Amino acid sequence: MLVEISHLNDGQINDLFQMYQVEWWTRGRKHDDVQEMLKHSDEIVAFCDSETEQLVAFARVLTDYVYRGPR
């Protein structure tokens, strides 16, 4: 079963870092940079396995406070 979370623990941050290493557009990011990115993200939405707490999905919300998507 998946559980929605809004804050990542240390293990889940490492899971996210590992996810980034297998995608061409995020490969090569540094662990410290991922932690810094999370500190400055306006909002995150993530899902983890309810038993293992392993991160399985992640998204973050960015805003420039000027443009927004249609309602």
PDB file of N, CA and C in Angstrom:
ATOM      1  N   MET A   1       0.832  -1.171   0.000  1.00  0.00           N
ATOM      2  CA  MET A   1       0.000   0.000   0.000  1.00  0.00           C
ATOM      3  C   MET A   1       0.887   1.247   0.000  1.00  0.00           C
ATOM      4  N   LEU A   2       0.473   2.253  -0.755  1.00  0.00           N
ATOM      5  CA  LEU A   2       1.216   3.509  -0.809  1.00  0.00           C
ATOM      6  C   LEU A   2       0.608   4.526   0.144  1.00  0.00           C
ATOM      7  N   VAL A   3       1.483   5.352   0.704  1.00  0.00           N
ATOM      8  CA  VAL A   3       1.074   6.407   1.617  1.00  0.00           C
ATOM      9  C   VAL A   3       1.617   7.726   1.087  1.00  0.00           C
ATOM     10  N   GLU A   4       0.762   8.752   1.061  1.00  0.00           N
ATOM     11  CA  GLU A   4       1.213  10.085   0.642  1.00  0.00           C
ATOM     12  C   GLU A   4       1.937  10.750   1.805  1.00  0.00           C
ATOM     13  N   ILE A   5       3.068  11.386   1.492  1.00  0.00           N
ATOM     14  CA  ILE A   5       3.839  12.101   2.509  1.00  0.00           C
ATOM     15  C   ILE A   5       4.197  13.493   1.991  1.00  0.00           C
ATOM     16  N   SER A   6       4.428  14.413   2.895  1.00  0.00           N
ATOM     17  CA  SER A   6       4.793  15.779   2.488  1.00  0.00           C
ATOM     18  C   SER A   6       6.167  16.187   3.013  1.00  0.00           C
ATOM     19  N   HIS A   7       6.859  15.258   3.644  1.00  0.00           N
ATOM     20  CA  HIS A   7       8.199  15.519   4.160  1.00  0.00           C
ATOM     21  C   HIS A   7       8.997  14.234   4.017  1.00  0.00           C
ATOM     22  N   LEU A   8      10.223  14.322   3.547  1.00  0.00           N
ATOM     23  CA  LEU A   8      11.058  13.141   3.361  1.00  0.00           C
ATOM     24  C   LEU A   8      12.006  12.948   4.536  1.00  0.00           C
ATOM     25  N   ASN A   9      12.108  11.714   5.002  1.00  0.00           N
ATOM     26  CA  ASN A   9      13.114  11.419   6.023  1.00  0.00           C
ATOM     27  C   ASN A   9      14.451  11.173   5.314  1.00  0.00           C
ATOM     28  N   ASP A  10      15.506  10.946   6.083  1.00  0.00           N
ATOM     29  CA  ASP A  10      16.837  10.782   5.493  1.00  0.00           C
ATOM     30  C   ASP A  10      16.894   9.626   4.495  1.00  0.00           C
ATOM     31  N   GLY A  11      16.258   8.511   4.827  1.00  0.00           N
ATOM     32  CA  GLY A  11      16.245   7.375   3.915  1.00  0.00           C
ATOM     33  C   GLY A  11      15.532   7.689   2.611  1.00  0.00           C
ATOM     34  N   GLN A  12      14.447   8.435   2.695  1.00  0.00           N
ATOM     35  CA  GLN A  12      13.690   8.807   1.498  1.00  0.00           C
ATOM     36  C   GLN A  12      14.442   9.835   0.657  1.00  0.00           C
ATOM     37  N   ILE A  13      15.203  10.698   1.292  1.00  0.00           N
ATOM     38  CA  ILE A  13      16.051  11.624   0.532  1.00  0.00           C
ATOM     39  C   ILE A  13      17.085  10.826  -0.251  1.00  0.00           C
ATOM     40  N   ASN A  14      17.637   9.799   0.367  1.00  0.00           N
ATOM     41  CA  ASN A  14      18.580   8.940  -0.340  1.00  0.00           C
ATOM     42  C   ASN A  14      17.885   8.192  -1.479  1.00  0.00           C
ATOM     43  N   ASP A  15      16.644   7.729  -1.242  1.00  0.00           N
ATOM     44  CA  ASP A  15      15.863   7.084  -2.316  1.00  0.00           C
ATOM     45  C   ASP A  15      15.688   8.041  -3.487  1.00  0.00           C
ATOM     46  N   LEU A  16      15.367   9.297  -3.192  1.00  0.00           N
ATOM     47  CA  LEU A  16      15.181  10.298  -4.246  1.00  0.00           C
ATOM     48  C   LEU A  16      16.483  10.517  -5.006  1.00  0.00           C
ATOM     49  N   PHE A  17      17.582  10.629  -4.280  1.00  0.00           N
ATOM     50  CA  PHE A  17      18.884  10.787  -4.915  1.00  0.00           C
ATOM     51  C   PHE A  17      19.157   9.618  -5.861  1.00  0.00           C
ATOM     52  N   GLN A  18      18.864   8.408  -5.429  1.00  0.00           N
ATOM     53  CA  GLN A  18      19.070   7.231  -6.281  1.00  0.00           C
ATOM     54  C   GLN A  18      18.156   7.265  -7.506  1.00  0.00           C
ATOM     55  N   MET A  19      16.921   7.708  -7.338  1.00  0.00           N
ATOM     56  CA  MET A  19      16.005   7.849  -8.486  1.00  0.00           C
ATOM     57  C   MET A  19      16.587   8.825  -9.504  1.00  0.00           C
ATOM     58  N   TYR A  20      17.142   9.912  -9.012  1.00  0.00           N
ATOM     59  CA  TYR A  20      17.709  10.925  -9.905  1.00  0.00           C
ATOM     60  C   TYR A  20      18.890  10.368 -10.709  1.00  0.00           C
ATOM     61  N   GLN A  21      19.614   9.420 -10.160  1.00  0.00           N
ATOM     62  CA  GLN A  21      20.804   8.908 -10.839  1.00  0.00           C
ATOM     63  C   GLN A  21      20.488   8.023 -12.043  1.00  0.00           C
ATOM     64  N   VAL A  22      19.257   7.581 -12.184  1.00  0.00           N
ATOM     65  CA  VAL A  22      18.916   6.702 -13.312  1.00  0.00           C
ATOM     66  C   VAL A  22      18.188   7.428 -14.447  1.00  0.00           C
ATOM     67  N   GLU A  23      17.917   8.707 -14.285  1.00  0.00           N
ATOM     68  CA  GLU A  23      17.255   9.489 -15.339  1.00  0.00           C
ATOM     69  C   GLU A  23      18.266  10.409 -16.002  1.00  0.00           C
ATOM     70  N   TRP A  24      18.221  10.520 -17.329  1.00  0.00           N
ATOM     71  CA  TRP A  24      19.216  11.308 -18.063  1.00  0.00           C
ATOM     72  C   TRP A  24      19.208  12.778 -17.666  1.00  0.00           C
ATOM     73  N   TRP A  25      18.047  13.317 -17.329  1.00  0.00           N
ATOM     74  CA  TRP A  25      17.960  14.756 -17.056  1.00  0.00           C
ATOM     75  C   TRP A  25      18.309  15.114 -15.611  1.00  0.00           C
ATOM     76  N   THR A  26      18.489  14.110 -14.743  1.00  0.00           N
ATOM     77  CA  THR A  26      18.875  14.382 -13.356  1.00  0.00           C
ATOM     78  C   THR A  26      20.127  13.632 -12.932  1.00  0.00           C
ATOM     79  N   ARG A  27      20.635  12.800 -13.811  1.00  0.00           N
ATOM     80  CA  ARG A  27      21.844  12.020 -13.494  1.00  0.00           C
ATOM     81  C   ARG A  27      22.990  12.979 -13.190  1.00  0.00           C
ATOM     82  N   GLY A  28      23.759  12.652 -12.182  1.00  0.00           N
ATOM     83  CA  GLY A  28      24.913  13.478 -11.850  1.00  0.00           C
ATOM     84  C   GLY A  28      24.648  14.521 -10.779  1.00  0.00           C
ATOM     85  N   ARG A  29      23.389  14.652 -10.364  1.00  0.00           N
ATOM     86  CA  ARG A  29      23.129  15.584  -9.261  1.00  0.00           C
ATOM     87  C   ARG A  29      23.822  15.077  -8.012  1.00  0.00           C
ATOM     88  N   LYS A  30      24.252  16.008  -7.194  1.00  0.00           N
ATOM     89  CA  LYS A  30      24.948  15.681  -5.954  1.00  0.00           C
ATOM     90  C   LYS A  30      23.940  15.551  -4.809  1.00  0.00           C
ATOM     91  N   HIS A  31      24.246  14.672  -3.858  1.00  0.00           N
ATOM     92  CA  HIS A  31      23.352  14.448  -2.723  1.00  0.00           C
ATOM     93  C   HIS A  31      23.089  15.745  -1.962  1.00  0.00           C
ATOM     94  N   ASP A  32      24.127  16.529  -1.717  1.00  0.00           N
ATOM     95  CA  ASP A  32      23.966  17.805  -1.007  1.00  0.00           C
ATOM     96  C   ASP A  32      23.061  18.754  -1.779  1.00  0.00           C
ATOM     97  N   ASP A  33      23.156  18.750  -3.110  1.00  0.00           N
ATOM     98  CA  ASP A  33      22.308  19.615  -3.930  1.00  0.00           C
ATOM     99  C   ASP A  33      20.845  19.194  -3.844  1.00  0.00           C
ATOM    100  N   VAL A  34      20.594  17.899  -3.762  1.00  0.00           N
ATOM    101  CA  VAL A  34      19.217  17.406  -3.622  1.00  0.00           C
ATOM    102  C   VAL A  34      18.646  17.871  -2.283  1.00  0.00           C
ATOM    103  N   GLN A  35      19.430  17.780  -1.229  1.00  0.00           N
ATOM    104  CA  GLN A  35      18.972  18.264   0.077  1.00  0.00           C
ATOM    105  C   GLN A  35      18.685  19.762   0.040  1.00  0.00           C
ATOM    106  N   GLU A  36      19.540  20.515  -0.619  1.00  0.00           N
ATOM    107  CA  GLU A  36      19.330  21.961  -0.732  1.00  0.00           C
ATOM    108  C   GLU A  36      18.072  22.261  -1.541  1.00  0.00           C
ATOM    109  N   MET A  37      17.845  21.520  -2.628  1.00  0.00           N
ATOM    110  CA  MET A  37      16.646  21.685  -3.440  1.00  0.00           C
ATOM    111  C   MET A  37      15.396  21.468  -2.583  1.00  0.00           C
ATOM    112  N   LEU A  38      15.421  20.425  -1.767  1.00  0.00           N
ATOM    113  CA  LEU A  38      14.261  20.134  -0.925  1.00  0.00           C
ATOM    114  C   LEU A  38      13.991  21.246   0.077  1.00  0.00           C
ATOM    115  N   LYS A  39      15.040  21.848   0.618  1.00  0.00           N
ATOM    116  CA  LYS A  39      14.871  22.950   1.573  1.00  0.00           C
ATOM    117  C   LYS A  39      14.154  24.131   0.939  1.00  0.00           C
ATOM    118  N   HIS A  40      14.346  24.322  -0.372  1.00  0.00           N
ATOM    119  CA  HIS A  40      13.792  25.498  -1.035  1.00  0.00           C
ATOM    120  C   HIS A  40      12.568  25.199  -1.893  1.00  0.00           C
ATOM    121  N   SER A  41      12.070  23.977  -1.839  1.00  0.00           N
ATOM    122  CA  SER A  41      10.853  23.641  -2.590  1.00  0.00           C
ATOM    123  C   SER A  41       9.637  24.167  -1.841  1.00  0.00           C
ATOM    124  N   ASP A  42       8.725  24.802  -2.574  1.00  0.00           N
ATOM    125  CA  ASP A  42       7.525  25.353  -1.950  1.00  0.00           C
ATOM    126  C   ASP A  42       6.636  24.259  -1.380  1.00  0.00           C
ATOM    127  N   GLU A  43       6.523  23.181  -2.105  1.00  0.00           N
ATOM    128  CA  GLU A  43       5.637  22.086  -1.704  1.00  0.00           C
ATOM    129  C   GLU A  43       6.135  20.812  -2.358  1.00  0.00           C
ATOM    130  N   ILE A  44       6.073  19.715  -1.643  1.00  0.00           N
ATOM    131  CA  ILE A  44       6.385  18.426  -2.260  1.00  0.00           C
ATOM    132  C   ILE A  44       5.208  17.487  -2.052  1.00  0.00           C
ATOM    133  N   VAL A  45       5.059  16.574  -2.980  1.00  0.00           N
ATOM    134  CA  VAL A  45       4.095  15.481  -2.856  1.00  0.00           C
ATOM    135  C   VAL A  45       4.874  14.221  -3.168  1.00  0.00           C
ATOM    136  N   ALA A  46       4.796  13.262  -2.273  1.00  0.00           N
ATOM    137  CA  ALA A  46       5.550  12.030  -2.465  1.00  0.00           C
ATOM    138  C   ALA A  46       4.720  10.859  -1.966  1.00  0.00           C
ATOM    139  N   PHE A  47       5.063   9.694  -2.483  1.00  0.00           N
ATOM    140  CA  PHE A  47       4.417   8.466  -2.027  1.00  0.00           C
ATOM    141  C   PHE A  47       5.502   7.475  -1.638  1.00  0.00           C
ATOM    142  N   CYS A  48       5.236   6.758  -0.549  1.00  0.00           N
ATOM    143  CA  CYS A  48       6.165   5.727  -0.110  1.00  0.00           C
ATOM    144  C   CYS A  48       5.395   4.460   0.202  1.00  0.00           C
ATOM    145  N   ASP A  49       6.117   3.357   0.224  1.00  0.00           N
ATOM    146  CA  ASP A  49       5.551   2.080   0.627  1.00  0.00           C
ATOM    147  C   ASP A  49       5.239   2.160   2.118  1.00  0.00           C
ATOM    148  N   SER A  50       4.034   1.785   2.508  1.00  0.00           N
ATOM    149  CA  SER A  50       3.622   1.928   3.908  1.00  0.00           C
ATOM    150  C   SER A  50       4.402   1.024   4.856  1.00  0.00           C
ATOM    151  N   GLU A  51       4.909  -0.082   4.364  1.00  0.00           N
ATOM    152  CA  GLU A  51       5.651  -0.997   5.233  1.00  0.00           C
ATOM    153  C   GLU A  51       7.137  -0.664   5.306  1.00  0.00           C
ATOM    154  N   THR A  52       7.747  -0.393   4.169  1.00  0.00           N
ATOM    155  CA  THR A  52       9.199  -0.166   4.137  1.00  0.00           C
ATOM    156  C   THR A  52       9.572   1.306   4.214  1.00  0.00           C
ATOM    157  N   GLU A  53       8.616   2.201   3.965  1.00  0.00           N
ATOM    158  CA  GLU A  53       8.830   3.649   3.888  1.00  0.00           C
ATOM    159  C   GLU A  53       9.724   4.043   2.719  1.00  0.00           C
ATOM    160  N   GLN A  54       9.954   3.112   1.775  1.00  0.00           N
ATOM    161  CA  GLN A  54      10.766   3.429   0.603  1.00  0.00           C
ATOM    162  C   GLN A  54       9.987   4.378  -0.311  1.00  0.00           C
ATOM    163  N   LEU A  55      10.659   5.409  -0.756  1.00  0.00           N
ATOM    164  CA  LEU A  55      10.061   6.388  -1.656  1.00  0.00           C
ATOM    165  C   LEU A  55       9.827   5.755  -3.022  1.00  0.00           C
ATOM    166  N   VAL A  56       8.617   5.928  -3.562  1.00  0.00           N
ATOM    167  CA  VAL A  56       8.309   5.356  -4.875  1.00  0.00           C
ATOM    168  C   VAL A  56       7.874   6.407  -5.886  1.00  0.00           C
ATOM    169  N   ALA A  57       7.498   7.601  -5.423  1.00  0.00           N
ATOM    170  CA  ALA A  57       7.096   8.674  -6.336  1.00  0.00           C
ATOM    171  C   ALA A  57       7.345  10.011  -5.661  1.00  0.00           C
ATOM    172  N   PHE A  58       7.703  11.002  -6.478  1.00  0.00           N
ATOM    173  CA  PHE A  58       8.045  12.317  -5.937  1.00  0.00           C
ATOM    174  C   PHE A  58       7.723  13.402  -6.949  1.00  0.00           C
ATOM    175  N   ALA A  59       7.167  14.503  -6.463  1.00  0.00           N
ATOM    176  CA  ALA A  59       6.954  15.701  -7.284  1.00  0.00           C
ATOM    177  C   ALA A  59       7.119  16.910  -6.375  1.00  0.00           C
ATOM    178  N   ARG A  60       7.534  17.999  -6.972  1.00  0.00           N
ATOM    179  CA  ARG A  60       7.629  19.233  -6.190  1.00  0.00           C
ATOM    180  C   ARG A  60       6.965  20.364  -6.952  1.00  0.00           C
ATOM    181  N   VAL A  61       6.488  21.337  -6.201  1.00  0.00           N
ATOM    182  CA  VAL A  61       5.793  22.481  -6.774  1.00  0.00           C
ATOM    183  C   VAL A  61       6.719  23.678  -6.716  1.00  0.00           C
ATOM    184  N   LEU A  62       6.884  24.299  -7.845  1.00  0.00           N
ATOM    185  CA  LEU A  62       7.683  25.524  -7.929  1.00  0.00           C
ATOM    186  C   LEU A  62       6.760  26.666  -8.317  1.00  0.00           C
ATOM    187  N   THR A  63       7.072  27.838  -7.862  1.00  0.00           N
ATOM    188  CA  THR A  63       6.285  28.989  -8.284  1.00  0.00           C
ATOM    189  C   THR A  63       7.165  30.218  -8.357  1.00  0.00           C
ATOM    190  N   ASP A  64       6.819  31.069  -9.305  1.00  0.00           N
ATOM    191  CA  ASP A  64       7.481  32.365  -9.378  1.00  0.00           C
ATOM    192  C   ASP A  64       6.548  33.458  -8.871  1.00  0.00           C
ATOM    193  N   TYR A  65       5.362  33.066  -8.397  1.00  0.00           N
ATOM    194  CA  TYR A  65       4.341  33.967  -7.873  1.00  0.00           C
ATOM    195  C   TYR A  65       3.810  34.934  -8.922  1.00  0.00           C
ATOM    196  N   VAL A  66       4.028  34.650 -10.211  1.00  0.00           N
ATOM    197  CA  VAL A  66       3.520  35.493 -11.286  1.00  0.00           C
ATOM    198  C   VAL A  66       2.567  34.696 -12.164  1.00  0.00           C
ATOM    199  N   TYR A  67       3.041  33.580 -12.693  1.00  0.00           N
ATOM    200  CA  TYR A  67       2.242  32.766 -13.590  1.00  0.00           C
ATOM    201  C   TYR A  67       1.667  31.573 -12.856  1.00  0.00           C
ATOM    202  N   ARG A  68       0.517  31.150 -13.277  1.00  0.00           N
ATOM    203  CA  ARG A  68      -0.068  29.944 -12.703  1.00  0.00           C
ATOM    204  C   ARG A  68      -0.852  29.215 -13.767  1.00  0.00           C
ATOM    205  N   GLY A  69      -1.042  27.953 -13.553  1.00  0.00           N
ATOM    206  CA  GLY A  69      -1.778  27.129 -14.509  1.00  0.00           C
ATOM    207  C   GLY A  69      -3.265  27.458 -14.491  1.00  0.00           C
ATOM    208  N   PRO A  70      -3.993  27.004 -15.513  1.00  0.00           N
ATOM    209  CA  PRO A  70      -5.431  27.248 -15.559  1.00  0.00           C
ATOM    210  C   PRO A  70      -6.147  26.527 -14.426  1.00  0.00           C
ATOM    211  N   ARG A  71      -7.247  27.101 -14.030  1.00  0.00           N
ATOM    212  CA  ARG A  71      -8.045  26.504 -12.947  1.00  0.00           C
ATOM    213  C   ARG A  71      -9.147  25.675 -13.519  1.00  0.00           C
TER     214      ARG A  71
END
